Amino acid sequence: MIALPTTFAALSDPTRLAILNRLAQGEATVNDLAALFPISQPAISRHLKVLDEAGLIERRVDGTRRPCRLNPAALAPVRRWISELERVMEANYARLDALLAQPERTQHAPDT
């Protein structure tokens, strides 16, 4: 299993996000992707390596082509983490709402 920091680091770059958005439409080769960006093919390959190491994409061999595609299962740990974070935050807000809903307690200063 890939650690969340590795996944988030891979997702933190705008070019890698754009690559993932393109791959959401279907498989693409390095050359297909390089044609979409104002960076070199080797730079695209480095971005793909980061995405591959994070488990966000899969590569396969098709003759001389090496198409990439999304690995949707790689986002399951992110979804679980976000769901847990939402659960904890909702519980915290519910406690705060309950506290704020209590009648105000008057505090008196000691007589001097």
PDB file of N, CA and C in Angstrom:
ATOM      1  N   MET A   1       0.838  -1.183   0.000  1.00  0.00           N
ATOM      2  CA  MET A   1       0.000   0.000   0.000  1.00  0.00           C
ATOM      3  C   MET A   1       0.881   1.243   0.000  1.00  0.00           C
ATOM      4  N   ILE A   2       0.515   2.200  -0.804  1.00  0.00           N
ATOM      5  CA  ILE A   2       1.255   3.453  -0.916  1.00  0.00           C
ATOM      6  C   ILE A   2       0.822   4.371   0.231  1.00  0.00           C
ATOM      7  N   ALA A   3       1.780   5.050   0.828  1.00  0.00           N
ATOM      8  CA  ALA A   3       1.475   5.963   1.930  1.00  0.00           C
ATOM      9  C   ALA A   3       0.778   7.218   1.394  1.00  0.00           C
ATOM     10  N   LEU A   4      -0.128   7.752   2.209  1.00  0.00           N
ATOM     11  CA  LEU A   4      -0.846   8.967   1.819  1.00  0.00           C
ATOM     12  C   LEU A   4       0.081  10.125   1.458  1.00  0.00           C
ATOM     13  N   PRO A   5       1.168  10.367   2.196  1.00  0.00           N
ATOM     14  CA  PRO A   5       2.046  11.473   1.799  1.00  0.00           C
ATOM     15  C   PRO A   5       2.587  11.325   0.376  1.00  0.00           C
ATOM     16  N   THR A   6       2.883  10.101  -0.036  1.00  0.00           N
ATOM     17  CA  THR A   6       3.360   9.869  -1.400  1.00  0.00           C
ATOM     18  C   THR A   6       2.266  10.204  -2.400  1.00  0.00           C
ATOM     19  N   THR A   7       1.048   9.800  -2.110  1.00  0.00           N
ATOM     20  CA  THR A   7      -0.077  10.091  -2.998  1.00  0.00           C
ATOM     21  C   THR A   7      -0.319  11.585  -3.080  1.00  0.00           C
ATOM     22  N   PHE A   8      -0.361  12.252  -1.920  1.00  0.00           N
ATOM     23  CA  PHE A   8      -0.607  13.693  -1.919  1.00  0.00           C
ATOM     24  C   PHE A   8       0.528  14.456  -2.594  1.00  0.00           C
ATOM     25  N   ALA A   9       1.753  14.008  -2.415  1.00  0.00           N
ATOM     26  CA  ALA A   9       2.886  14.659  -3.086  1.00  0.00           C
ATOM     27  C   ALA A   9       2.736  14.544  -4.605  1.00  0.00           C
ATOM     28  N   ALA A  10       2.322  13.373  -5.067  1.00  0.00           N
ATOM     29  CA  ALA A  10       2.121  13.182  -6.507  1.00  0.00           C
ATOM     30  C   ALA A  10       0.988  14.063  -7.027  1.00  0.00           C
ATOM     31  N   LEU A  11      -0.058  14.235  -6.215  1.00  0.00           N
ATOM     32  CA  LEU A  11      -1.206  15.042  -6.623  1.00  0.00           C
ATOM     33  C   LEU A  11      -0.965  16.534  -6.479  1.00  0.00           C
ATOM     34  N   SER A  12       0.118  16.931  -5.843  1.00  0.00           N
ATOM     35  CA  SER A  12       0.347  18.340  -5.541  1.00  0.00           C
ATOM     36  C   SER A  12       0.828  19.158  -6.734  1.00  0.00           C
ATOM     37  N   ASP A  13       1.231  18.514  -7.790  1.00  0.00           N
ATOM     38  CA  ASP A  13       1.757  19.227  -8.954  1.00  0.00           C
ATOM     39  C   ASP A  13       0.659  19.451  -9.987  1.00  0.00           C
ATOM     40  N   PRO A  14       0.484  20.689 -10.476  1.00  0.00           N
ATOM     41  CA  PRO A  14      -0.578  20.972 -11.457  1.00  0.00           C
ATOM     42  C   PRO A  14      -0.445  20.168 -12.753  1.00  0.00           C
ATOM     43  N   THR A  15       0.774  19.930 -13.202  1.00  0.00           N
ATOM     44  CA  THR A  15       0.954  19.153 -14.437  1.00  0.00           C
ATOM     45  C   THR A  15       0.509  17.715 -14.225  1.00  0.00           C
ATOM     46  N   ARG A  16       0.859  17.141 -13.075  1.00  0.00           N
ATOM     47  CA  ARG A  16       0.432  15.763 -12.810  1.00  0.00           C
ATOM     48  C   ARG A  16      -1.083  15.676 -12.675  1.00  0.00           C
ATOM     49  N   LEU A  17      -1.705  16.688 -12.066  1.00  0.00           N
ATOM     50  CA  LEU A  17      -3.173  16.702 -11.998  1.00  0.00           C
ATOM     51  C   LEU A  17      -3.776  16.762 -13.397  1.00  0.00           C
ATOM     52  N   ALA A  18      -3.188  17.584 -14.249  1.00  0.00           N
ATOM     53  CA  ALA A  18      -3.683  17.694 -15.631  1.00  0.00           C
ATOM     54  C   ALA A  18      -3.497  16.372 -16.371  1.00  0.00           C
ATOM     55  N   ILE A  19      -2.391  15.703 -16.126  1.00  0.00           N
ATOM     56  CA  ILE A  19      -2.167  14.384 -16.742  1.00  0.00           C
ATOM     57  C   ILE A  19      -3.240  13.406 -16.279  1.00  0.00           C
ATOM     58  N   LEU A  20      -3.520  13.398 -14.983  1.00  0.00           N
ATOM     59  CA  LEU A  20      -4.570  12.504 -14.471  1.00  0.00           C
ATOM     60  C   LEU A  20      -5.929  12.846 -15.069  1.00  0.00           C
ATOM     61  N   ASN A  21      -6.217  14.137 -15.216  1.00  0.00           N
ATOM     62  CA  ASN A  21      -7.482  14.542 -15.854  1.00  0.00           C
ATOM     63  C   ASN A  21      -7.549  14.028 -17.282  1.00  0.00           C
ATOM     64  N   ARG A  22      -6.436  14.089 -17.989  1.00  0.00           N
ATOM     65  CA  ARG A  22      -6.420  13.564 -19.369  1.00  0.00           C
ATOM     66  C   ARG A  22      -6.606  12.057 -19.361  1.00  0.00           C
ATOM     67  N   LEU A  23      -5.948  11.365 -18.438  1.00  0.00           N
ATOM     68  CA  LEU A  23      -6.063   9.911 -18.385  1.00  0.00           C
ATOM     69  C   LEU A  23      -7.458   9.466 -17.942  1.00  0.00           C
ATOM     70  N   ALA A  24      -8.197  10.341 -17.315  1.00  0.00           N
ATOM     71  CA  ALA A  24      -9.589  10.020 -16.957  1.00  0.00           C
ATOM     72  C   ALA A  24     -10.430   9.824 -18.211  1.00  0.00           C
ATOM     73  N   GLN A  25      -9.985  10.370 -19.323  1.00  0.00           N
ATOM     74  CA  GLN A  25     -10.687  10.210 -20.605  1.00  0.00           C
ATOM     75  C   GLN A  25     -10.304   8.921 -21.311  1.00  0.00           C
ATOM     76  N   GLY A  26      -9.212   8.307 -20.882  1.00  0.00           N
ATOM     77  CA  GLY A  26      -8.754   7.066 -21.500  1.00  0.00           C
ATOM     78  C   GLY A  26      -7.241   6.984 -21.533  1.00  0.00           C
ATOM     79  N   GLU A  27      -6.758   5.845 -21.978  1.00  0.00           N
ATOM     80  CA  GLU A  27      -5.316   5.614 -22.037  1.00  0.00           C
ATOM     81  C   GLU A  27      -4.622   6.635 -22.929  1.00  0.00           C
ATOM     82  N   ALA A  28      -3.346   6.844 -22.631  1.00  0.00           N
ATOM     83  CA  ALA A  28      -2.520   7.728 -23.458  1.00  0.00           C
ATOM     84  C   ALA A  28      -1.065   7.307 -23.306  1.00  0.00           C
ATOM     85  N   THR A  29      -0.308   7.531 -24.344  1.00  0.00           N
ATOM     86  CA  THR A  29       1.132   7.264 -24.305  1.00  0.00           C
ATOM     87  C   THR A  29       1.852   8.526 -23.853  1.00  0.00           C
ATOM     88  N   VAL A  30       3.140   8.377 -23.592  1.00  0.00           N
ATOM     89  CA  VAL A  30       3.959   9.536 -23.214  1.00  0.00           C
ATOM     90  C   VAL A  30       3.897  10.586 -24.315  1.00  0.00           C
ATOM     91  N   ASN A  31       3.989  10.149 -25.573  1.00  0.00           N
ATOM     92  CA  ASN A  31       3.949  11.106 -26.685  1.00  0.00           C
ATOM     93  C   ASN A  31       2.590  11.794 -26.790  1.00  0.00           C
ATOM     94  N   ASP A  32       1.513  11.050 -26.564  1.00  0.00           N
ATOM     95  CA  ASP A  32       0.173  11.659 -26.561  1.00  0.00           C
ATOM     96  C   ASP A  32       0.114  12.773 -25.517  1.00  0.00           C
ATOM     97  N   LEU A  33       0.631  12.478 -24.336  1.00  0.00           N
ATOM     98  CA  LEU A  33       0.590  13.450 -23.237  1.00  0.00           C
ATOM     99  C   LEU A  33       1.529  14.622 -23.490  1.00  0.00           C
ATOM    100  N   ALA A  34       2.714  14.339 -24.035  1.00  0.00           N
ATOM    101  CA  ALA A  34       3.685  15.403 -24.309  1.00  0.00           C
ATOM    102  C   ALA A  34       3.133  16.426 -25.297  1.00  0.00           C
ATOM    103  N   ALA A  35       2.275  15.974 -26.198  1.00  0.00           N
ATOM    104  CA  ALA A  35       1.687  16.891 -27.183  1.00  0.00           C
ATOM    105  C   ALA A  35       0.740  17.900 -26.536  1.00  0.00           C
ATOM    106  N   LEU A  36       0.277  17.614 -25.343  1.00  0.00           N
ATOM    107  CA  LEU A  36      -0.691  18.478 -24.664  1.00  0.00           C
ATOM    108  C   LEU A  36      -0.054  19.553 -23.786  1.00  0.00           C
ATOM    109  N   PHE A  37       1.238  19.419 -23.508  1.00  0.00           N
ATOM    110  CA  PHE A  37       1.877  20.304 -22.538  1.00  0.00           C
ATOM    111  C   PHE A  37       3.082  21.005 -23.145  1.00  0.00           C
ATOM    112  N   PRO A  38       3.382  22.209 -22.664  1.00  0.00           N
ATOM    113  CA  PRO A  38       4.538  22.946 -23.192  1.00  0.00           C
ATOM    114  C   PRO A  38       5.842  22.540 -22.492  1.00  0.00           C
ATOM    115  N   ILE A  39       5.976  21.238 -22.239  1.00  0.00           N
ATOM    116  CA  ILE A  39       7.207  20.728 -21.630  1.00  0.00           C
ATOM    117  C   ILE A  39       7.687  19.542 -22.457  1.00  0.00           C
ATOM    118  N   SER A  40       8.909  19.133 -22.219  1.00  0.00           N
ATOM    119  CA  SER A  40       9.512  18.080 -23.036  1.00  0.00           C
ATOM    120  C   SER A  40       8.943  16.706 -22.702  1.00  0.00           C
ATOM    121  N   GLN A  41       9.173  15.775 -23.621  1.00  0.00           N
ATOM    122  CA  GLN A  41       8.759  14.391 -23.405  1.00  0.00           C
ATOM    123  C   GLN A  41       9.463  13.794 -22.195  1.00  0.00           C
ATOM    124  N   PRO A  42      10.783  14.060 -21.998  1.00  0.00           N
ATOM    125  CA  PRO A  42      11.421  13.539 -20.787  1.00  0.00           C
ATOM    126  C   PRO A  42      10.792  14.089 -19.497  1.00  0.00           C
ATOM    127  N   ALA A  43      10.338  15.338 -19.516  1.00  0.00           N
ATOM    128  CA  ALA A  43       9.678  15.909 -18.333  1.00  0.00           C
ATOM    129  C   ALA A  43       8.354  15.196 -18.077  1.00  0.00           C
ATOM    130  N   ILE A  44       7.612  14.906 -19.142  1.00  0.00           N
ATOM    131  CA  ILE A  44       6.362  14.149 -18.993  1.00  0.00           C
ATOM    132  C   ILE A  44       6.669  12.767 -18.422  1.00  0.00           C
ATOM    133  N   SER A  45       7.725  12.143 -18.913  1.00  0.00           N
ATOM    134  CA  SER A  45       8.116  10.818 -18.406  1.00  0.00           C
ATOM    135  C   SER A  45       8.432  10.869 -16.916  1.00  0.00           C
ATOM    136  N   ARG A  46       9.090  11.936 -16.463  1.00  0.00           N
ATOM    137  CA  ARG A  46       9.393  12.068 -15.028  1.00  0.00           C
ATOM    138  C   ARG A  46       8.098  12.218 -14.221  1.00  0.00           C
ATOM    139  N   HIS A  47       7.150  13.007 -14.744  1.00  0.00           N
ATOM    140  CA  HIS A  47       5.857  13.147 -14.065  1.00  0.00           C
ATOM    141  C   HIS A  47       5.142  11.796 -13.997  1.00  0.00           C
ATOM    142  N   LEU A  48       5.183  11.041 -15.090  1.00  0.00           N
ATOM    143  CA  LEU A  48       4.543   9.723 -15.111  1.00  0.00           C
ATOM    144  C   LEU A  48       5.206   8.774 -14.115  1.00  0.00           C
ATOM    145  N   LYS A  49       6.507   8.892 -13.967  1.00  0.00           N
ATOM    146  CA  LYS A  49       7.220   8.047 -13.006  1.00  0.00           C
ATOM    147  C   LYS A  49       6.718   8.334 -11.585  1.00  0.00           C
ATOM    148  N   VAL A  50       6.532   9.607 -11.255  1.00  0.00           N
ATOM    149  CA  VAL A  50       6.023   9.975  -9.927  1.00  0.00           C
ATOM    150  C   VAL A  50       4.618   9.414  -9.739  1.00  0.00           C
ATOM    151  N   LEU A  51       3.769   9.565 -10.745  1.00  0.00           N
ATOM    152  CA  LEU A  51       2.398   9.049 -10.666  1.00  0.00           C
ATOM    153  C   LEU A  51       2.394   7.524 -10.545  1.00  0.00           C
ATOM    154  N   ASP A  52       3.300   6.869 -11.273  1.00  0.00           N
ATOM    155  CA  ASP A  52       3.407   5.415 -11.220  1.00  0.00           C
ATOM    156  C   ASP A  52       3.884   4.960  -9.842  1.00  0.00           C
ATOM    157  N   GLU A  53       4.886   5.624  -9.299  1.00  0.00           N
ATOM    158  CA  GLU A  53       5.410   5.257  -7.977  1.00  0.00           C
ATOM    159  C   GLU A  53       4.365   5.475  -6.881  1.00  0.00           C
ATOM    160  N   ALA A  54       3.469   6.429  -7.103  1.00  0.00           N
ATOM    161  CA  ALA A  54       2.388   6.669  -6.142  1.00  0.00           C
ATOM    162  C   ALA A  54       1.224   5.711  -6.368  1.00  0.00           C
ATOM    163  N   GLY A  55       1.327   4.887  -7.410  1.00  0.00           N
ATOM    164  CA  GLY A  55       0.274   3.923  -7.703  1.00  0.00           C
ATOM    165  C   GLY A  55      -0.954   4.518  -8.366  1.00  0.00           C
ATOM    166  N   LEU A  56      -0.862   5.772  -8.802  1.00  0.00           N
ATOM    167  CA  LEU A  56      -2.020   6.453  -9.385  1.00  0.00           C
ATOM    168  C   LEU A  56      -2.286   6.071 -10.837  1.00  0.00           C
ATOM    169  N   ILE A  57      -1.259   5.550 -11.504  1.00  0.00           N
ATOM    170  CA  ILE A  57      -1.434   5.109 -12.888  1.00  0.00           C
ATOM    171  C   ILE A  57      -0.892   3.697 -13.036  1.00  0.00           C
ATOM    172  N   GLU A  58      -1.318   3.076 -14.113  1.00  0.00           N
ATOM    173  CA  GLU A  58      -0.809   1.754 -14.489  1.00  0.00           C
ATOM    174  C   GLU A  58      -0.270   1.878 -15.904  1.00  0.00           C
ATOM    175  N   ARG A  59       0.767   1.131 -16.189  1.00  0.00           N
ATOM    176  CA  ARG A  59       1.330   1.107 -17.552  1.00  0.00           C
ATOM    177  C   ARG A  59       1.243  -0.312 -18.068  1.00  0.00           C
ATOM    178  N   ARG A  60       1.042  -0.415 -19.366  1.00  0.00           N
ATOM    179  CA  ARG A  60       1.036  -1.735 -19.983  1.00  0.00           C
ATOM    180  C   ARG A  60       1.834  -1.671 -21.282  1.00  0.00           C
ATOM    181  N   VAL A  61       2.230  -2.833 -21.767  1.00  0.00           N
ATOM    182  CA  VAL A  61       2.998  -2.915 -22.999  1.00  0.00           C
ATOM    183  C   VAL A  61       2.050  -3.333 -24.112  1.00  0.00           C
ATOM    184  N   ASP A  62       2.070  -2.569 -25.186  1.00  0.00           N
ATOM    185  CA  ASP A  62       1.244  -2.854 -26.364  1.00  0.00           C
ATOM    186  C   ASP A  62       2.144  -2.726 -27.588  1.00  0.00           C
ATOM    187  N   GLY A  63       2.912  -3.784 -27.854  1.00  0.00           N
ATOM    188  CA  GLY A  63       3.904  -3.720 -28.934  1.00  0.00           C
ATOM    189  C   GLY A  63       4.996  -2.738 -28.557  1.00  0.00           C
ATOM    190  N   THR A  64       5.156  -1.708 -29.367  1.00  0.00           N
ATOM    191  CA  THR A  64       6.160  -0.688 -29.063  1.00  0.00           C
ATOM    192  C   THR A  64       5.573   0.459 -28.236  1.00  0.00           C
ATOM    193  N   ARG A  65       4.288   0.434 -28.028  1.00  0.00           N
ATOM    194  CA  ARG A  65       3.623   1.485 -27.246  1.00  0.00           C
ATOM    195  C   ARG A  65       3.590   1.090 -25.765  1.00  0.00           C
ATOM    196  N   ARG A  66       3.588   2.087 -24.909  1.00  0.00           N
ATOM    197  CA  ARG A  66       3.488   1.882 -23.459  1.00  0.00           C
ATOM    198  C   ARG A  66       2.395   2.802 -22.912  1.00  0.00           C
ATOM    199  N   PRO A  67       1.135   2.486 -23.204  1.00  0.00           N
ATOM    200  CA  PRO A  67       0.062   3.370 -22.743  1.00  0.00           C
ATOM    201  C   PRO A  67      -0.094   3.345 -21.222  1.00  0.00           C
ATOM    202  N   CYS A  68      -0.531   4.476 -20.711  1.00  0.00           N
ATOM    203  CA  CYS A  68      -0.801   4.638 -19.274  1.00  0.00           C
ATOM    204  C   CYS A  68      -2.296   4.793 -19.091  1.00  0.00           C
ATOM    205  N   ARG A  69      -2.769   4.404 -17.929  1.00  0.00           N
ATOM    206  CA  ARG A  69      -4.174   4.622 -17.582  1.00  0.00           C
ATOM    207  C   ARG A  69      -4.273   4.844 -16.085  1.00  0.00           C
ATOM    208  N   LEU A  70      -5.387   5.400 -15.676  1.00  0.00           N
ATOM    209  CA  LEU A  70      -5.611   5.636 -14.254  1.00  0.00           C
ATOM    210  C   LEU A  70      -5.739   4.325 -13.506  1.00  0.00           C
ATOM    211  N   ASN A  71      -5.342   4.349 -12.251  1.00  0.00           N
ATOM    212  CA  ASN A  71      -5.574   3.239 -11.338  1.00  0.00           C
ATOM    213  C   ASN A  71      -6.541   3.750 -10.274  1.00  0.00           C
ATOM    214  N   PRO A  72      -7.848   3.622 -10.503  1.00  0.00           N
ATOM    215  CA  PRO A  72      -8.817   4.188  -9.562  1.00  0.00           C
ATOM    216  C   PRO A  72      -8.700   3.626  -8.149  1.00  0.00           C
ATOM    217  N   ALA A  73      -8.223   2.407  -8.001  1.00  0.00           N
ATOM    218  CA  ALA A  73      -8.086   1.811  -6.671  1.00  0.00           C
ATOM    219  C   ALA A  73      -7.086   2.578  -5.811  1.00  0.00           C
ATOM    220  N   ALA A  74      -6.164   3.296  -6.448  1.00  0.00           N
ATOM    221  CA  ALA A  74      -5.150   4.039  -5.700  1.00  0.00           C
ATOM    222  C   ALA A  74      -5.751   5.178  -4.897  1.00  0.00           C
ATOM    223  N   LEU A  75      -6.942   5.624  -5.259  1.00  0.00           N
ATOM    224  CA  LEU A  75      -7.568   6.719  -4.538  1.00  0.00           C
ATOM    225  C   LEU A  75      -8.393   6.252  -3.342  1.00  0.00           C
ATOM    226  N   ALA A  76      -8.568   4.948  -3.172  1.00  0.00           N
ATOM    227  CA  ALA A  76      -9.342   4.424  -2.039  1.00  0.00           C
ATOM    228  C   ALA A  76      -8.777   4.880  -0.688  1.00  0.00           C
ATOM    229  N   PRO A  77      -7.451   4.831  -0.464  1.00  0.00           N
ATOM    230  CA  PRO A  77      -6.942   5.323   0.825  1.00  0.00           C
ATOM    231  C   PRO A  77      -7.217   6.812   1.030  1.00  0.00           C
ATOM    232  N   VAL A  78      -7.189   7.587  -0.043  1.00  0.00           N
ATOM    233  CA  VAL A  78      -7.485   9.024   0.057  1.00  0.00           C
ATOM    234  C   VAL A  78      -8.950   9.218   0.443  1.00  0.00           C
ATOM    235  N   ARG A  79      -9.839   8.457  -0.204  1.00  0.00           N
ATOM    236  CA  ARG A  79     -11.266   8.551   0.126  1.00  0.00           C
ATOM    237  C   ARG A  79     -11.514   8.160   1.586  1.00  0.00           C
ATOM    238  N   ARG A  80     -10.851   7.096   2.046  1.00  0.00           N
ATOM    239  CA  ARG A  80     -11.017   6.667   3.450  1.00  0.00           C
ATOM    240  C   ARG A  80     -10.520   7.750   4.412  1.00  0.00           C
ATOM    241  N   TRP A  81      -9.367   8.347   4.103  1.00  0.00           N
ATOM    242  CA  TRP A  81      -8.804   9.380   4.958  1.00  0.00           C
ATOM    243  C   TRP A  81      -9.733  10.593   5.010  1.00  0.00           C
ATOM    244  N   ILE A  82     -10.232  11.014   3.862  1.00  0.00           N
ATOM    245  CA  ILE A  82     -11.142  12.161   3.817  1.00  0.00           C
ATOM    246  C   ILE A  82     -12.430  11.831   4.557  1.00  0.00           C
ATOM    247  N   SER A  83     -12.957  10.634   4.393  1.00  0.00           N
ATOM    248  CA  SER A  83     -14.175  10.239   5.100  1.00  0.00           C
ATOM    249  C   SER A  83     -13.972  10.269   6.606  1.00  0.00           C
ATOM    250  N   GLU A  84     -12.841   9.764   7.073  1.00  0.00           N
ATOM    251  CA  GLU A  84     -12.556   9.776   8.513  1.00  0.00           C
ATOM    252  C   GLU A  84     -12.402  11.212   9.011  1.00  0.00           C
ATOM    253  N   LEU A  85     -11.723  12.036   8.238  1.00  0.00           N
ATOM    254  CA  LEU A  85     -11.564  13.444   8.617  1.00  0.00           C
ATOM    255  C   LEU A  85     -12.921  14.140   8.704  1.00  0.00           C
ATOM    256  N   GLU A  86     -13.789  13.872   7.733  1.00  0.00           N
ATOM    257  CA  GLU A  86     -15.136  14.448   7.763  1.00  0.00           C
ATOM    258  C   GLU A  86     -15.913  13.970   8.987  1.00  0.00           C
ATOM    259  N   ARG A  87     -15.794  12.678   9.304  1.00  0.00           N
ATOM    260  CA  ARG A  87     -16.497  12.120  10.464  1.00  0.00           C
ATOM    261  C   ARG A  87     -16.042  12.808  11.746  1.00  0.00           C
ATOM    262  N   VAL A  88     -14.754  12.969  11.915  1.00  0.00           N
ATOM    263  CA  VAL A  88     -14.211  13.607  13.114  1.00  0.00           C
ATOM    264  C   VAL A  88     -14.642  15.066  13.185  1.00  0.00           C
ATOM    265  N   MET A  89     -14.581  15.757  12.054  1.00  0.00           N
ATOM    266  CA  MET A  89     -14.975  17.167  12.041  1.00  0.00           C
ATOM    267  C   MET A  89     -16.465  17.327  12.352  1.00  0.00           C
ATOM    268  N   GLU A  90     -17.296  16.471  11.784  1.00  0.00           N
ATOM    269  CA  GLU A  90     -18.737  16.543  12.059  1.00  0.00           C
ATOM    270  C   GLU A  90     -19.025  16.284  13.534  1.00  0.00           C
ATOM    271  N   ALA A  91     -18.301  15.344  14.147  1.00  0.00           N
ATOM    272  CA  ALA A  91     -18.475  15.077  15.575  1.00  0.00           C
ATOM    273  C   ALA A  91     -18.052  16.294  16.398  1.00  0.00           C
ATOM    274  N   ASN A  92     -16.955  16.917  16.011  1.00  0.00           N
ATOM    275  CA  ASN A  92     -16.505  18.122  16.715  1.00  0.00           C
ATOM    276  C   ASN A  92     -17.527  19.248  16.591  1.00  0.00           C
ATOM    277  N   TYR A  93     -18.055  19.447  15.397  1.00  0.00           N
ATOM    278  CA  TYR A  93     -19.056  20.497  15.199  1.00  0.00           C
ATOM    279  C   TYR A  93     -20.347  20.182  15.958  1.00  0.00           C
ATOM    280  N   ALA A  94     -20.716  18.920  16.029  1.00  0.00           N
ATOM    281  CA  ALA A  94     -21.913  18.538  16.778  1.00  0.00           C
ATOM    282  C   ALA A  94     -21.727  18.848  18.261  1.00  0.00           C
ATOM    283  N   ARG A  95     -20.546  18.561  18.798  1.00  0.00           N
ATOM    284  CA  ARG A  95     -20.267  18.895  20.201  1.00  0.00           C
ATOM    285  C   ARG A  95     -20.297  20.409  20.419  1.00  0.00           C
ATOM    286  N   LEU A  96     -19.737  21.150  19.485  1.00  0.00           N
ATOM    287  CA  LEU A  96     -19.753  22.605  19.589  1.00  0.00           C
ATOM    288  C   LEU A  96     -21.177  23.141  19.517  1.00  0.00           C
ATOM    289  N   ASP A  97     -21.973  22.607  18.582  1.00  0.00           N
ATOM    290  CA  ASP A  97     -23.381  23.022  18.474  1.00  0.00           C
ATOM    291  C   ASP A  97     -24.128  22.744  19.777  1.00  0.00           C
ATOM    292  N   ALA A  98     -23.885  21.572  20.375  1.00  0.00           N
ATOM    293  CA  ALA A  98     -24.557  21.224  21.633  1.00  0.00           C
ATOM    294  C   ALA A  98     -24.126  22.177  22.747  1.00  0.00           C
ATOM    295  N   LEU A  99     -22.874  22.508  22.785  1.00  0.00           N
ATOM    296  CA  LEU A  99     -22.376  23.434  23.800  1.00  0.00           C
ATOM    297  C   LEU A  99     -22.990  24.817  23.619  1.00  0.00           C
ATOM    298  N   LEU A 100     -23.051  25.274  22.374  1.00  0.00           N
ATOM    299  CA  LEU A 100     -23.610  26.600  22.104  1.00  0.00           C
ATOM    300  C   LEU A 100     -25.115  26.643  22.337  1.00  0.00           C
ATOM    301  N   ALA A 101     -25.783  25.517  22.261  1.00  0.00           N
ATOM    302  CA  ALA A 101     -27.230  25.462  22.457  1.00  0.00           C
ATOM    303  C   ALA A 101     -27.615  25.468  23.936  1.00  0.00           C
ATOM    304  N   GLN A 102     -26.658  25.220  24.814  1.00  0.00           N
ATOM    305  CA  GLN A 102     -26.952  25.225  26.250  1.00  0.00           C
ATOM    306  C   GLN A 102     -27.283  26.647  26.681  1.00  0.00           C
ATOM    307  N   PRO A 103     -28.200  26.760  27.661  1.00  0.00           N
ATOM    308  CA  PRO A 103     -28.516  28.102  28.169  1.00  0.00           C
ATOM    309  C   PRO A 103     -27.246  28.747  28.726  1.00  0.00           C
ATOM    310  N   GLU A 104     -27.177  30.017  28.511  1.00  0.00           N
ATOM    311  CA  GLU A 104     -25.999  30.742  28.965  1.00  0.00           C
ATOM    312  C   GLU A 104     -25.931  30.725  30.484  1.00  0.00           C
ATOM    313  N   ARG A 105     -24.790  30.457  30.998  1.00  0.00           N
ATOM    314  CA  ARG A 105     -24.589  30.465  32.445  1.00  0.00           C
ATOM    315  C   ARG A 105     -24.044  31.838  32.833  1.00  0.00           C
ATOM    316  N   THR A 106     -24.692  32.431  33.782  1.00  0.00           N
ATOM    317  CA  THR A 106     -24.261  33.757  34.213  1.00  0.00           C
ATOM    318  C   THR A 106     -23.137  33.602  35.223  1.00  0.00           C
ATOM    319  N   GLN A 107     -22.097  34.296  34.954  1.00  0.00           N
ATOM    320  CA  GLN A 107     -20.984  34.271  35.904  1.00  0.00           C
ATOM    321  C   GLN A 107     -20.934  35.625  36.585  1.00  0.00           C
ATOM    322  N   HIS A 108     -20.895  35.602  37.881  1.00  0.00           N
ATOM    323  CA  HIS A 108     -20.839  36.839  38.649  1.00  0.00           C
ATOM    324  C   HIS A 108     -19.432  37.037  39.158  1.00  0.00           C
ATOM    325  N   ALA A 109     -19.028  38.260  39.129  1.00  0.00           N
ATOM    326  CA  ALA A 109     -17.735  38.602  39.712  1.00  0.00           C
ATOM    327  C   ALA A 109     -17.883  38.578  41.229  1.00  0.00           C
ATOM    328  N   PRO A 110     -16.866  38.146  41.934  1.00  0.00           N
ATOM    329  CA  PRO A 110     -16.947  38.132  43.409  1.00  0.00           C
ATOM    330  C   PRO A 110     -17.139  39.549  43.936  1.00  0.00           C
ATOM    331  N   ASP A 111     -17.898  39.645  45.043  1.00  0.00           N
ATOM    332  CA  ASP A 111     -18.123  40.945  45.660  1.00  0.00           C
ATOM    333  C   ASP A 111     -16.823  41.446  46.278  1.00  0.00           C
ATOM    334  N   THR A 112     -16.583  42.696  46.070  1.00  0.00           N
ATOM    335  CA  THR A 112     -15.385  43.287  46.688  1.00  0.00           C
ATOM    336  C   THR A 112     -15.750  44.316  47.712  1.00  0.00           C
TER     337      THR A 112
END
